[in-house]
Structures are given as C-alpha cells and as structure tokens.
PDB file of N, CA and C in Angstrom:
ATOM      1  N   MET A   1     -17.322 -14.223  30.683  1.00  0.00           N
ATOM      2  CA  MET A   1     -17.450 -13.791  29.215  1.00  0.00           C
ATOM      3  C   MET A   1     -17.040 -12.557  28.959  1.00  0.00           C
ATOM      4  N   GLU A   2     -17.440 -11.736  29.997  1.00  0.00           N
ATOM      5  CA  GLU A   2     -16.764 -10.128  29.899  1.00  0.00           C
ATOM      6  C   GLU A   2     -15.796 -10.048  30.119  1.00  0.00           C
ATOM      7  N   ASP A   3     -14.897 -10.889  30.703  1.00  0.00           N
ATOM      8  CA  ASP A   3     -13.491 -11.086  30.929  1.00  0.00           C
ATOM      9  C   ASP A   3     -12.685 -10.930  29.706  1.00  0.00           C
ATOM     10  N   ASN A   4     -13.302 -11.855  28.847  1.00  0.00           N
ATOM     11  CA  ASN A   4     -13.083 -12.546  27.270  1.00  0.00           C
ATOM     12  C   ASN A   4     -12.838 -10.729  26.487  1.00  0.00           C
ATOM     13  N   TYR A   5     -14.214 -10.113  26.401  1.00  0.00           N
ATOM     14  CA  TYR A   5     -14.082  -9.040  25.542  1.00  0.00           C
ATOM     15  C   TYR A   5     -13.133  -7.954  26.272  1.00  0.00           C
ATOM     16  N   LEU A   6     -12.983  -7.724  27.797  1.00  0.00           N
ATOM     17  CA  LEU A   6     -12.024  -6.946  28.319  1.00  0.00           C
ATOM     18  C   LEU A   6     -10.622  -6.894  27.800  1.00  0.00           C
ATOM     19  N   VAL A   7      -9.983  -8.692  27.986  1.00  0.00           N
ATOM     20  CA  VAL A   7      -8.922  -8.686  27.087  1.00  0.00           C
ATOM     21  C   VAL A   7      -8.564  -8.626  25.747  1.00  0.00           C
ATOM     22  N   VAL A   8      -9.539  -8.945  25.063  1.00  0.00           N
ATOM     23  CA  VAL A   8      -9.769  -8.652  23.726  1.00  0.00           C
ATOM     24  C   VAL A   8      -9.589  -7.297  23.388  1.00  0.00           C
ATOM     25  N   GLY A   9     -10.365  -6.028  24.113  1.00  0.00           N
ATOM     26  CA  GLY A   9     -10.143  -4.846  24.124  1.00  0.00           C
ATOM     27  C   GLY A   9      -8.843  -4.653  24.547  1.00  0.00           C
ATOM     28  N   VAL A  10      -8.310  -4.839  25.772  1.00  0.00           N
ATOM     29  CA  VAL A  10      -6.905  -4.182  26.008  1.00  0.00           C
ATOM     30  C   VAL A  10      -5.907  -4.566  24.786  1.00  0.00           C
ATOM     31  N   PHE A  11      -5.903  -5.720  24.434  1.00  0.00           N
ATOM     32  CA  PHE A  11      -4.832  -6.215  23.268  1.00  0.00           C
ATOM     33  C   PHE A  11      -5.093  -5.120  21.950  1.00  0.00           C
ATOM     34  N   ALA A  12      -6.622  -4.881  21.793  1.00  0.00           N
ATOM     35  CA  ALA A  12      -6.997  -4.215  20.539  1.00  0.00           C
ATOM     36  C   ALA A  12      -6.366  -2.532  20.983  1.00  0.00           C
ATOM     37  N   VAL A  13      -6.597  -2.262  22.063  1.00  0.00           N
ATOM     38  CA  VAL A  13      -5.940  -0.718  22.464  1.00  0.00           C
ATOM     39  C   VAL A  13      -4.439  -0.881  22.421  1.00  0.00           C
ATOM     40  N   ALA A  14      -3.806  -1.859  22.947  1.00  0.00           N
ATOM     41  CA  ALA A  14      -2.544  -2.083  22.868  1.00  0.00           C
ATOM     42  C   ALA A  14      -1.940  -2.042  21.382  1.00  0.00           C
ATOM     43  N   GLY A  15      -2.617  -2.703  20.652  1.00  0.00           N
ATOM     44  CA  GLY A  15      -2.111  -3.264  19.276  1.00  0.00           C
ATOM     45  C   GLY A  15      -2.186  -1.401  18.655  1.00  0.00           C
ATOM     46  N   VAL A  16      -2.899  -0.593  18.858  1.00  0.00           N
ATOM     47  CA  VAL A  16      -3.120   0.274  17.832  1.00  0.00           C
ATOM     48  C   VAL A  16      -2.232   1.590  18.645  1.00  0.00           C
ATOM     49  N   LEU A  17      -2.041   1.893  20.194  1.00  0.00           N
ATOM     50  CA  LEU A  17      -1.489   2.545  20.564  1.00  0.00           C
ATOM     51  C   LEU A  17       0.498   2.216  20.282  1.00  0.00           C
ATOM     52  N   PHE A  18       0.758   1.196  20.654  1.00  0.00           N
ATOM     53  CA  PHE A  18       1.969   1.186  20.681  1.00  0.00           C
ATOM     54  C   PHE A  18       2.572   1.343  19.323  1.00  0.00           C
ATOM     55  N   PRO A  19       2.391   1.176  17.985  1.00  0.00           N
ATOM     56  CA  PRO A  19       3.115   1.438  16.841  1.00  0.00           C
ATOM     57  C   PRO A  19       2.730   2.973  17.106  1.00  0.00           C
ATOM     58  N   LEU A  20       1.802   3.682  17.263  1.00  0.00           N
ATOM     59  CA  LEU A  20       1.566   5.134  17.099  1.00  0.00           C
ATOM     60  C   LEU A  20       2.535   5.691  18.318  1.00  0.00           C
ATOM     61  N   LEU A  21       2.654   4.965  19.313  1.00  0.00           N
ATOM     62  CA  LEU A  21       3.626   5.771  20.222  1.00  0.00           C
ATOM     63  C   LEU A  21       5.303   5.522  19.873  1.00  0.00           C
ATOM     64  N   ALA A  22       5.249   4.233  19.599  1.00  0.00           N
ATOM     65  CA  ALA A  22       6.678   4.158  18.663  1.00  0.00           C
ATOM     66  C   ALA A  22       6.968   5.058  17.626  1.00  0.00           C
ATOM     67  N   MET A  23       6.278   5.462  16.904  1.00  0.00           N
ATOM     68  CA  MET A  23       6.297   5.975  15.614  1.00  0.00           C
ATOM     69  C   MET A  23       6.580   7.421  15.990  1.00  0.00           C
ATOM     70  N   GLY A  24       5.625   8.007  17.108  1.00  0.00           N
ATOM     71  CA  GLY A  24       5.787   9.181  17.238  1.00  0.00           C
ATOM     72  C   GLY A  24       7.014   9.912  18.376  1.00  0.00           C
ATOM     73  N   ALA A  25       7.814   8.690  19.086  1.00  0.00           N
ATOM     74  CA  ALA A  25       8.672   8.673  19.990  1.00  0.00           C
ATOM     75  C   ALA A  25      10.081   8.574  18.677  1.00  0.00           C
ATOM     76  N   GLY A  26       9.821   7.908  17.501  1.00  0.00           N
ATOM     77  CA  GLY A  26      10.785   8.088  16.782  1.00  0.00           C
ATOM     78  C   GLY A  26      10.946   9.074  15.662  1.00  0.00           C
ATOM     79  N   ALA A  27       9.518   9.758  15.540  1.00  0.00           N
ATOM     80  CA  ALA A  27       9.767  11.090  14.882  1.00  0.00           C
ATOM     81  C   ALA A  27      10.339  12.187  15.785  1.00  0.00           C
ATOM     82  N   LEU A  28      10.025  12.108  17.247  1.00  0.00           N
ATOM     83  CA  LEU A  28      10.673  12.985  18.185  1.00  0.00           C
ATOM     84  C   LEU A  28      11.823  13.139  18.545  1.00  0.00           C
ATOM     85  N   PHE A  29      12.574  12.240  18.398  1.00  0.00           N
ATOM     86  CA  PHE A  29      13.907  11.945  18.779  1.00  0.00           C
ATOM     87  C   PHE A  29      15.150  11.900  17.649  1.00  0.00           C
ATOM     88  N   ARG A  30      14.317  11.531  16.575  1.00  0.00           N
ATOM     89  CA  ARG A  30      15.490  11.250  15.514  1.00  0.00           C
ATOM     90  C   ARG A  30      16.148  12.382  15.008  1.00  0.00           C
ATOM     91  N   PRO A  31      17.340  12.521  14.444  1.00  0.00           N
ATOM     92  CA  PRO A  31      17.740  13.796  14.037  1.00  0.00           C
ATOM     93  C   PRO A  31      17.101  14.182  12.297  1.00  0.00           C
ATOM     94  N   HIS A  32      17.152  15.354  12.100  1.00  0.00           N
ATOM     95  CA  HIS A  32      16.438  15.554  11.171  1.00  0.00           C
ATOM     96  C   HIS A  32      16.940  16.571  10.552  1.00  0.00           C
ATOM     97  N   ASN A  33      18.200  16.584   9.540  1.00  0.00           N
ATOM     98  CA  ASN A  33      18.912  17.660   8.837  1.00  0.00           C
ATOM     99  C   ASN A  33      18.734  17.110   7.478  1.00  0.00           C
ATOM    100  N   PRO A  34      18.068  17.014   6.596  1.00  0.00           N
ATOM    101  CA  PRO A  34      18.324  16.220   5.414  1.00  0.00           C
ATOM    102  C   PRO A  34      19.234  17.253   4.189  1.00  0.00           C
ATOM    103  N   ASP A  35      20.084  16.621   3.583  1.00  0.00           N
ATOM    104  CA  ASP A  35      20.854  17.532   2.671  1.00  0.00           C
ATOM    105  C   ASP A  35      20.539  17.025   1.079  1.00  0.00           C
ATOM    106  N   SER A  36      21.054  17.516   0.080  1.00  0.00           N
ATOM    107  CA  SER A  36      21.096  17.126  -1.030  1.00  0.00           C
ATOM    108  C   SER A  36      21.426  15.536  -1.217  1.00  0.00           C
ATOM    109  N   ARG A  37      22.752  15.002  -0.878  1.00  0.00           N
ATOM    110  CA  ARG A  37      23.059  13.450  -0.839  1.00  0.00           C
ATOM    111  C   ARG A  37      21.959  12.600  -0.080  1.00  0.00           C
ATOM    112  N   LYS A  38      21.543  13.278   1.077  1.00  0.00           N
ATOM    113  CA  LYS A  38      20.295  12.261   1.503  1.00  0.00           C
ATOM    114  C   LYS A  38      18.954  11.791   0.961  1.00  0.00           C
ATOM    115  N   LEU A  39      18.605  13.315  -0.025  1.00  0.00           N
ATOM    116  CA  LEU A  39      17.508  13.347  -0.575  1.00  0.00           C
ATOM    117  C   LEU A  39      17.603  12.467  -2.128  1.00  0.00           C
ATOM    118  N   SER A  40      18.935  12.173  -2.279  1.00  0.00           N
ATOM    119  CA  SER A  40      19.114  11.790  -3.800  1.00  0.00           C
ATOM    120  C   SER A  40      18.579   9.995  -3.627  1.00  0.00           C
ATOM    121  N   THR A  41      18.384   9.514  -5.107  1.00  0.00           N
ATOM    122  CA  THR A  41      17.974   8.215  -4.879  1.00  0.00           C
ATOM    123  C   THR A  41      19.001   7.356  -4.651  1.00  0.00           C
ATOM    124  N   TYR A  42      19.044   6.395  -3.883  1.00  0.00           N
ATOM    125  CA  TYR A  42      20.310   5.566  -3.578  1.00  0.00           C
ATOM    126  C   TYR A  42      20.503   4.270  -4.528  1.00  0.00           C
ATOM    127  N   GLU A  43      21.878   4.093  -4.753  1.00  0.00           N
ATOM    128  CA  GLU A  43      21.858   2.811  -6.032  1.00  0.00           C
ATOM    129  C   GLU A  43      23.232   2.436  -5.433  1.00  0.00           C
ATOM    130  N   CYS A  44      23.336   1.787  -4.041  1.00  0.00           N
ATOM    131  CA  CYS A  44      24.434   1.398  -4.021  1.00  0.00           C
ATOM    132  C   CYS A  44      25.610   2.107  -3.979  1.00  0.00           C
ATOM    133  N   GLY A  45      25.576   3.414  -3.914  1.00  0.00           N
ATOM    134  CA  GLY A  45      26.971   4.430  -3.783  1.00  0.00           C
ATOM    135  C   GLY A  45      26.994   4.969  -5.330  1.00  0.00           C
ATOM    136  N   GLU A  46      26.402   4.540  -6.247  1.00  0.00           N
ATOM    137  CA  GLU A  46      26.766   4.984  -7.659  1.00  0.00           C
ATOM    138  C   GLU A  46      25.721   6.145  -7.830  1.00  0.00           C
ATOM    139  N   ILE A  47      26.111   6.908  -9.177  1.00  0.00           N
ATOM    140  CA  ILE A  47      25.313   8.170  -9.164  1.00  0.00           C
ATOM    141  C   ILE A  47      24.262   7.748 -10.251  1.00  0.00           C
ATOM    142  N   PRO A  48      22.828   7.770  -9.871  1.00  0.00           N
ATOM    143  CA  PRO A  48      22.088   7.367 -10.559  1.00  0.00           C
ATOM    144  C   PRO A  48      22.014   7.999 -12.160  1.00  0.00           C
ATOM    145  N   PHE A  49      21.730   7.373 -12.975  1.00  0.00           N
ATOM    146  CA  PHE A  49      21.820   7.974 -14.604  1.00  0.00           C
ATOM    147  C   PHE A  49      20.419   7.119 -15.185  1.00  0.00           C
ATOM    148  N   GLY A  50      19.943   7.794 -16.458  1.00  0.00           N
ATOM    149  CA  GLY A  50      18.881   7.270 -17.236  1.00  0.00           C
ATOM    150  C   GLY A  50      17.440   7.094 -16.178  1.00  0.00           C
ATOM    151  N   ASP A  51      16.633   6.528 -16.993  1.00  0.00           N
ATOM    152  CA  ASP A  51      15.501   6.251 -16.459  1.00  0.00           C
ATOM    153  C   ASP A  51      15.110   4.917 -15.621  1.00  0.00           C
ATOM    154  N   ALA A  52      14.486   5.040 -14.279  1.00  0.00           N
ATOM    155  CA  ALA A  52      14.446   3.967 -13.620  1.00  0.00           C
ATOM    156  C   ALA A  52      13.468   3.138 -14.110  1.00  0.00           C
ATOM    157  N   HIS A  53      12.394   3.527 -14.714  1.00  0.00           N
ATOM    158  CA  HIS A  53      11.113   2.587 -15.351  1.00  0.00           C
ATOM    159  C   HIS A  53      11.724   1.591 -16.732  1.00  0.00           C
ATOM    160  N   ILE A  54      11.879   0.908 -16.586  1.00  0.00           N
ATOM    161  CA  ILE A  54      12.061   0.026 -17.587  1.00  0.00           C
ATOM    162  C   ILE A  54      11.174  -0.705 -17.955  1.00  0.00           C
ATOM    163  N   GLN A  55      11.122  -1.390 -19.204  1.00  0.00           N
ATOM    164  CA  GLN A  55       9.791  -2.222 -19.246  1.00  0.00           C
ATOM    165  C   GLN A  55      10.669  -4.130 -19.563  1.00  0.00           C
ATOM    166  N   PHE A  56       9.982  -4.915 -18.932  1.00  0.00           N
ATOM    167  CA  PHE A  56      10.348  -6.320 -18.795  1.00  0.00           C
ATOM    168  C   PHE A  56       9.460  -7.065 -19.423  1.00  0.00           C
ATOM    169  N   LEU A  57      10.067  -8.063 -20.203  1.00  0.00           N
ATOM    170  CA  LEU A  57       9.271  -9.024 -20.602  1.00  0.00           C
ATOM    171  C   LEU A  57       8.254  -9.561 -19.829  1.00  0.00           C
ATOM    172  N   PRO A  58       6.878  -9.910 -20.039  1.00  0.00           N
ATOM    173  CA  PRO A  58       5.580 -10.499 -19.554  1.00  0.00           C
ATOM    174  C   PRO A  58       6.015 -11.900 -18.835  1.00  0.00           C
ATOM    175  N   GLN A  59       6.917 -12.289 -19.448  1.00  0.00           N
ATOM    176  CA  GLN A  59       7.352 -13.942 -19.624  1.00  0.00           C
ATOM    177  C   GLN A  59       7.987 -14.144 -17.976  1.00  0.00           C
ATOM    178  N   TYR A  60       9.113 -12.841 -17.500  1.00  0.00           N
ATOM    179  CA  TYR A  60       9.489 -13.094 -16.402  1.00  0.00           C
ATOM    180  C   TYR A  60       8.521 -12.919 -15.199  1.00  0.00           C
ATOM    181  N   TYR A  61       7.362 -12.233 -15.334  1.00  0.00           N
ATOM    182  CA  TYR A  61       6.609 -12.110 -14.241  1.00  0.00           C
ATOM    183  C   TYR A  61       5.830 -13.574 -14.237  1.00  0.00           C
ATOM    184  N   ILE A  62       5.427 -14.156 -15.444  1.00  0.00           N
ATOM    185  CA  ILE A  62       4.505 -15.516 -15.106  1.00  0.00           C
ATOM    186  C   ILE A  62       5.467 -16.446 -14.809  1.00  0.00           C
ATOM    187  N   VAL A  63       6.654 -16.634 -15.091  1.00  0.00           N
ATOM    188  CA  VAL A  63       7.776 -17.322 -14.360  1.00  0.00           C
ATOM    189  C   VAL A  63       7.943 -17.300 -12.944  1.00  0.00           C
ATOM    190  N   ALA A  64       7.936 -15.892 -12.687  1.00  0.00           N
ATOM    191  CA  ALA A  64       7.925 -15.571 -11.062  1.00  0.00           C
ATOM    192  C   ALA A  64       6.634 -16.141 -10.097  1.00  0.00           C
ATOM    193  N   LEU A  65       5.439 -15.953 -10.876  1.00  0.00           N
ATOM    194  CA  LEU A  65       4.402 -16.005 -10.231  1.00  0.00           C
ATOM    195  C   LEU A  65       4.065 -17.644 -10.417  1.00  0.00           C
ATOM    196  N   MET A  66       4.663 -18.507 -11.592  1.00  0.00           N
ATOM    197  CA  MET A  66       4.422 -19.939 -11.218  1.00  0.00           C
ATOM    198  C   MET A  66       5.451 -20.485 -10.233  1.00  0.00           C
ATOM    199  N   PHE A  67       6.742 -19.656  -9.892  1.00  0.00           N
ATOM    200  CA  PHE A  67       7.517 -20.011  -8.814  1.00  0.00           C
ATOM    201  C   PHE A  67       7.072 -19.825  -7.763  1.00  0.00           C
ATOM    202  N   LEU A  68       6.043 -18.931  -7.155  1.00  0.00           N
ATOM    203  CA  LEU A  68       5.350 -18.588  -5.893  1.00  0.00           C
ATOM    204  C   LEU A  68       4.351 -19.354  -5.818  1.00  0.00           C
ATOM    205  N   LEU A  69       3.277 -20.023  -7.000  1.00  0.00           N
ATOM    206  CA  LEU A  69       2.637 -20.649  -6.808  1.00  0.00           C
ATOM    207  C   LEU A  69       2.997 -21.888  -6.469  1.00  0.00           C
ATOM    208  N   PHE A  70       4.129 -22.604  -6.997  1.00  0.00           N
ATOM    209  CA  PHE A  70       4.279 -23.976  -6.596  1.00  0.00           C
ATOM    210  C   PHE A  70       5.540 -23.973  -5.464  1.00  0.00           C
ATOM    211  N   ASP A  71       5.551 -22.775  -4.915  1.00  0.00           N
ATOM    212  CA  ASP A  71       6.418 -22.564  -3.661  1.00  0.00           C
ATOM    213  C   ASP A  71       5.477 -22.309  -2.811  1.00  0.00           C
ATOM    214  N   VAL A  72       4.508 -21.781  -2.813  1.00  0.00           N
ATOM    215  CA  VAL A  72       3.659 -21.869  -1.709  1.00  0.00           C
ATOM    216  C   VAL A  72       2.570 -23.106  -1.597  1.00  0.00           C
ATOM    217  N   GLU A  73       2.481 -23.693  -3.031  1.00  0.00           N
ATOM    218  CA  GLU A  73       1.876 -25.244  -2.453  1.00  0.00           C
ATOM    219  C   GLU A  73       2.852 -26.116  -1.971  1.00  0.00           C
ATOM    220  N   THR A  74       4.008 -26.118  -2.047  1.00  0.00           N
ATOM    221  CA  THR A  74       4.822 -27.061  -1.519  1.00  0.00           C
ATOM    222  C   THR A  74       4.970 -27.143   0.179  1.00  0.00           C
ATOM    223  N   VAL A  75       4.472 -25.863   0.830  1.00  0.00           N
ATOM    224  CA  VAL A  75       4.461 -25.356   2.157  1.00  0.00           C
ATOM    225  C   VAL A  75       3.533 -26.482   2.882  1.00  0.00           C
ATOM    226  N   PHE A  76       2.222 -26.957   1.725  1.00  0.00           N
ATOM    227  CA  PHE A  76       1.220 -27.876   2.553  1.00  0.00           C
ATOM    228  C   PHE A  76       1.678 -28.995   2.613  1.00  0.00           C
ATOM    229  N   LEU A  77       2.948 -29.406   2.142  1.00  0.00           N
ATOM    230  CA  LEU A  77       3.603 -30.846   2.525  1.00  0.00           C
ATOM    231  C   LEU A  77       3.847 -31.057   3.960  1.00  0.00           C
ATOM    232  N   TYR A  78       4.546 -29.959   4.459  1.00  0.00           N
ATOM    233  CA  TYR A  78       5.043 -29.991   5.708  1.00  0.00           C
ATOM    234  C   TYR A  78       3.875 -30.265   6.696  1.00  0.00           C
ATOM    235  N   PRO A  79       2.720 -29.865   6.819  1.00  0.00           N
ATOM    236  CA  PRO A  79       1.946 -30.383   8.151  1.00  0.00           C
ATOM    237  C   PRO A  79       1.400 -31.486   7.838  1.00  0.00           C
ATOM    238  N   TRP A  80       1.469 -32.203   6.370  1.00  0.00           N
ATOM    239  CA  TRP A  80       1.248 -33.874   6.291  1.00  0.00           C
ATOM    240  C   TRP A  80       2.422 -34.405   7.022  1.00  0.00           C
ATOM    241  N   ALA A  81       3.692 -33.963   6.536  1.00  0.00           N
ATOM    242  CA  ALA A  81       4.652 -34.920   6.921  1.00  0.00           C
ATOM    243  C   ALA A  81       4.566 -34.990   8.375  1.00  0.00           C
ATOM    244  N   VAL A  82       4.145 -33.971   9.303  1.00  0.00           N
ATOM    245  CA  VAL A  82       4.355 -33.911  10.576  1.00  0.00           C
ATOM    246  C   VAL A  82       3.171 -35.187  11.622  1.00  0.00           C
ATOM    247  N   VAL A  83       1.983 -34.999  10.709  1.00  0.00           N
ATOM    248  CA  VAL A  83       1.177 -36.102  10.982  1.00  0.00           C
ATOM    249  C   VAL A  83       0.818 -37.256  10.264  1.00  0.00           C
ATOM    250  N   TYR A  84       1.930 -37.481   9.585  1.00  0.00           N
ATOM    251  CA  TYR A  84       1.721 -38.451   8.453  1.00  0.00           C
ATOM    252  C   TYR A  84       1.351 -40.008   9.051  1.00  0.00           C
ATOM    253  N   ARG A  85       1.929 -40.436  10.110  1.00  0.00           N
ATOM    254  CA  ARG A  85       1.640 -41.628  11.018  1.00  0.00           C
ATOM    255  C   ARG A  85       0.145 -41.664  11.259  1.00  0.00           C
ATOM    256  N   GLU A  86      -0.431 -40.218  11.836  1.00  0.00           N
ATOM    257  CA  GLU A  86      -1.838 -40.379  11.978  1.00  0.00           C
ATOM    258  C   GLU A  86      -2.798 -40.863  11.105  1.00  0.00           C
ATOM    259  N   LEU A  87      -2.234 -39.880  10.008  1.00  0.00           N
ATOM    260  CA  LEU A  87      -3.506 -40.089   8.903  1.00  0.00           C
ATOM    261  C   LEU A  87      -3.480 -41.665   8.128  1.00  0.00           C
ATOM    262  N   GLY A  88      -2.405 -42.250   8.117  1.00  0.00           N
ATOM    263  CA  GLY A  88      -2.438 -43.594   7.530  1.00  0.00           C
ATOM    264  C   GLY A  88      -2.488 -43.552   6.110  1.00  0.00           C
ATOM    265  N   LEU A  89      -3.361 -44.434   5.512  1.00  0.00           N
ATOM    266  CA  LEU A  89      -3.549 -44.784   4.094  1.00  0.00           C
ATOM    267  C   LEU A  89      -4.155 -43.558   3.481  1.00  0.00           C
ATOM    268  N   PHE A  90      -5.139 -43.206   4.412  1.00  0.00           N
ATOM    269  CA  PHE A  90      -5.923 -42.085   3.660  1.00  0.00           C
ATOM    270  C   PHE A  90      -5.179 -40.659   3.278  1.00  0.00           C
ATOM    271  N   GLY A  91      -4.648 -40.517   4.149  1.00  0.00           N
ATOM    272  CA  GLY A  91      -3.563 -39.394   4.182  1.00  0.00           C
ATOM    273  C   GLY A  91      -2.386 -39.374   3.022  1.00  0.00           C
ATOM    274  N   LEU A  92      -2.046 -40.761   3.188  1.00  0.00           N
ATOM    275  CA  LEU A  92      -1.036 -40.700   1.730  1.00  0.00           C
ATOM    276  C   LEU A  92      -1.935 -40.746   0.515  1.00  0.00           C
ATOM    277  N   LEU A  93      -3.026 -41.100   0.445  1.00  0.00           N
ATOM    278  CA  LEU A  93      -3.909 -41.185  -0.911  1.00  0.00           C
ATOM    279  C   LEU A  93      -4.342 -39.629  -1.199  1.00  0.00           C
ATOM    280  N   GLU A  94      -4.402 -39.260  -0.017  1.00  0.00           N
ATOM    281  CA  GLU A  94      -4.672 -37.565  -0.140  1.00  0.00           C
ATOM    282  C   GLU A  94      -3.735 -36.828  -0.654  1.00  0.00           C
ATOM    283  N   MET A  95      -2.328 -37.055  -0.159  1.00  0.00           N
ATOM    284  CA  MET A  95      -1.255 -36.337  -0.543  1.00  0.00           C
ATOM    285  C   MET A  95      -0.773 -36.790  -2.158  1.00  0.00           C
ATOM    286  N   ALA A  96      -1.128 -37.920  -2.543  1.00  0.00           N
ATOM    287  CA  ALA A  96      -0.779 -38.374  -3.987  1.00  0.00           C
ATOM    288  C   ALA A  96      -1.703 -37.798  -5.068  1.00  0.00           C
ATOM    289  N   VAL A  97      -2.817 -37.523  -4.421  1.00  0.00           N
ATOM    290  CA  VAL A  97      -3.857 -36.712  -5.245  1.00  0.00           C
ATOM    291  C   VAL A  97      -3.437 -35.341  -5.324  1.00  0.00           C
ATOM    292  N   PHE A  98      -2.919 -34.571  -4.325  1.00  0.00           N
ATOM    293  CA  PHE A  98      -2.389 -33.533  -4.525  1.00  0.00           C
ATOM    294  C   PHE A  98      -1.367 -33.201  -5.085  1.00  0.00           C
ATOM    295  N   ILE A  99      -0.322 -34.012  -4.817  1.00  0.00           N
ATOM    296  CA  ILE A  99       0.841 -34.100  -5.457  1.00  0.00           C
ATOM    297  C   ILE A  99       0.598 -34.105  -7.191  1.00  0.00           C
ATOM    298  N   LEU A 100      -0.417 -35.294  -7.282  1.00  0.00           N
ATOM    299  CA  LEU A 100      -0.626 -35.196  -8.727  1.00  0.00           C
ATOM    300  C   LEU A 100      -1.224 -34.330  -9.199  1.00  0.00           C
ATOM    301  N   LEU A 101      -2.083 -33.335  -8.761  1.00  0.00           N
ATOM    302  CA  LEU A 101      -2.487 -32.232  -9.493  1.00  0.00           C
ATOM    303  C   LEU A 101      -1.423 -31.145  -9.663  1.00  0.00           C
ATOM    304  N   LEU A 102      -0.334 -31.076  -8.643  1.00  0.00           N
ATOM    305  CA  LEU A 102       0.627 -30.541  -8.870  1.00  0.00           C
ATOM    306  C   LEU A 102       1.624 -31.061 -10.161  1.00  0.00           C
ATOM    307  N   VAL A 103       1.748 -32.040 -10.458  1.00  0.00           N
ATOM    308  CA  VAL A 103       2.516 -32.652 -11.247  1.00  0.00           C
ATOM    309  C   VAL A 103       1.374 -32.241 -12.815  1.00  0.00           C
ATOM    310  N   VAL A 104       0.283 -32.197 -12.816  1.00  0.00           N
ATOM    311  CA  VAL A 104      -0.421 -32.071 -14.198  1.00  0.00           C
ATOM    312  C   VAL A 104      -0.167 -30.564 -14.278  1.00  0.00           C
ATOM    313  N   ALA A 105      -0.483 -29.727 -13.257  1.00  0.00           N
ATOM    314  CA  ALA A 105      -0.459 -27.986 -13.364  1.00  0.00           C
ATOM    315  C   ALA A 105       1.343 -27.890 -14.346  1.00  0.00           C
ATOM    316  N   LEU A 106       2.209 -28.559 -13.622  1.00  0.00           N
ATOM    317  CA  LEU A 106       3.382 -28.325 -14.021  1.00  0.00           C
ATOM    318  C   LEU A 106       3.273 -28.645 -15.699  1.00  0.00           C
ATOM    319  N   LEU A 107       3.053 -29.919 -15.782  1.00  0.00           N
ATOM    320  CA  LEU A 107       3.084 -30.127 -17.129  1.00  0.00           C
ATOM    321  C   LEU A 107       2.326 -29.388 -18.162  1.00  0.00           C
ATOM    322  N   TYR A 108       1.375 -28.581 -18.008  1.00  0.00           N
ATOM    323  CA  TYR A 108       0.318 -28.076 -18.564  1.00  0.00           C
ATOM    324  C   TYR A 108       1.045 -26.789 -18.934  1.00  0.00           C
ATOM    325  N   ALA A 109       1.419 -26.191 -17.724  1.00  0.00           N
ATOM    326  CA  ALA A 109       2.678 -25.021 -18.352  1.00  0.00           C
ATOM    327  C   ALA A 109       3.683 -25.329 -18.840  1.00  0.00           C
ATOM    328  N   TRP A 110       4.081 -26.616 -18.636  1.00  0.00           N
ATOM    329  CA  TRP A 110       5.584 -26.710 -19.833  1.00  0.00           C
ATOM    330  C   TRP A 110       4.737 -27.023 -21.135  1.00  0.00           C
ATOM    331  N   ARG A 111       3.625 -27.681 -21.467  1.00  0.00           N
ATOM    332  CA  ARG A 111       3.054 -27.815 -22.489  1.00  0.00           C
ATOM    333  C   ARG A 111       2.784 -26.172 -23.286  1.00  0.00           C
ATOM    334  N   GLU A 112       2.134 -25.444 -22.591  1.00  0.00           N
ATOM    335  CA  GLU A 112       1.738 -24.253 -23.166  1.00  0.00           C
ATOM    336  C   GLU A 112       3.312 -23.363 -23.094  1.00  0.00           C
ATOM    337  N   LYS A 113       4.293 -23.649 -22.781  1.00  0.00           N
ATOM    338  CA  LYS A 113       5.601 -23.162 -23.057  1.00  0.00           C
ATOM    339  C   LYS A 113       5.480 -21.660 -21.975  1.00  0.00           C
ATOM    340  N   VAL A 114       4.890 -21.998 -20.914  1.00  0.00           N
ATOM    341  CA  VAL A 114       5.237 -20.586 -19.779  1.00  0.00           C
ATOM    342  C   VAL A 114       6.328 -20.702 -19.307  1.00  0.00           C
ATOM    343  N   LEU A 115       7.074 -21.646 -19.334  1.00  0.00           N
ATOM    344  CA  LEU A 115       8.479 -21.910 -18.421  1.00  0.00           C
ATOM    345  C   LEU A 115       9.437 -21.512 -19.575  1.00  0.00           C
ATOM    346  N   ARG A 116       9.434 -21.243 -20.808  1.00  0.00           N
ATOM    347  CA  ARG A 116      10.439 -20.754 -21.608  1.00  0.00           C
ATOM    348  C   ARG A 116      10.994 -19.494 -21.193  1.00  0.00           C
ATOM    349  N   TRP A 117      12.210 -19.300 -20.653  1.00  0.00           N
ATOM    350  CA  TRP A 117      12.673 -17.996 -20.571  1.00  0.00           C
ATOM    351  C   TRP A 117      12.428 -17.165 -21.538  1.00  0.00           C
ATOM    352  N   VAL A 118      13.059 -17.181 -22.801  1.00  0.00           N
ATOM    353  CA  VAL A 118      12.930 -16.120 -23.962  1.00  0.00           C
ATOM    354  C   VAL A 118      12.160 -16.380 -24.963  1.00  0.00           C
TER     355      VAL A 118
END
C-alpha cells in the first residue's frame, strides 16, 4: 500500500520538476537580444495598422458554439461503434435516443434561427 503512495509521489515530484527544469534550461541557454523588429506585433510580415480589437457579431460566436457542441457530442459515437456488438439491442436503442436528442436540438436551433449567418 505504501508503495503505491511512493510511486504517486515520485510521479508528482517529477511532474512538477521536469517542466520547471526545462523552462529554466531554456531561459538559461537561449539567446536574448531583443530589438524593435522582434518586439513588434507579428502579422505575417505585414506592417500592422489600425486597432486589433474589432467587434464581431454575436451570431458568429453562437454558430461556433453550436459547432463545438455538436462536434463534441459526435465523439460519443466512437465508443459506441467500437462495442456495438456487445451492447446488442439495448445499445442500439440508447444510441437512437441520443441521436434523436441531437436532432431535436438541431431542429430547435434551426427554428430559433440560431444557424442564420447574418
């Protein structure tokens, strides 16, 4: 039992020390000679102009959130597909309910005009 705590402790200490040592070694050995070109804003070689803070329509954020929501939900289909044969009819019905909920959510978003771009 005490062996388990020792292993966890060693990994915890290594997990803290390794990044600290790597960052310290990087700070120690990397060249440090900043000039005005290196400290300027990088925009693909173009000279920056104007204000970088512009306003976007909230609609873009909502569409992005909807995409992420449905993208993450489809990840749950992969484990189901792997063990499909072992689950049998029960697994098929559970996945049908899951997909039905996703379709209902998509139809609701469509009805509320969340998916309109402009």
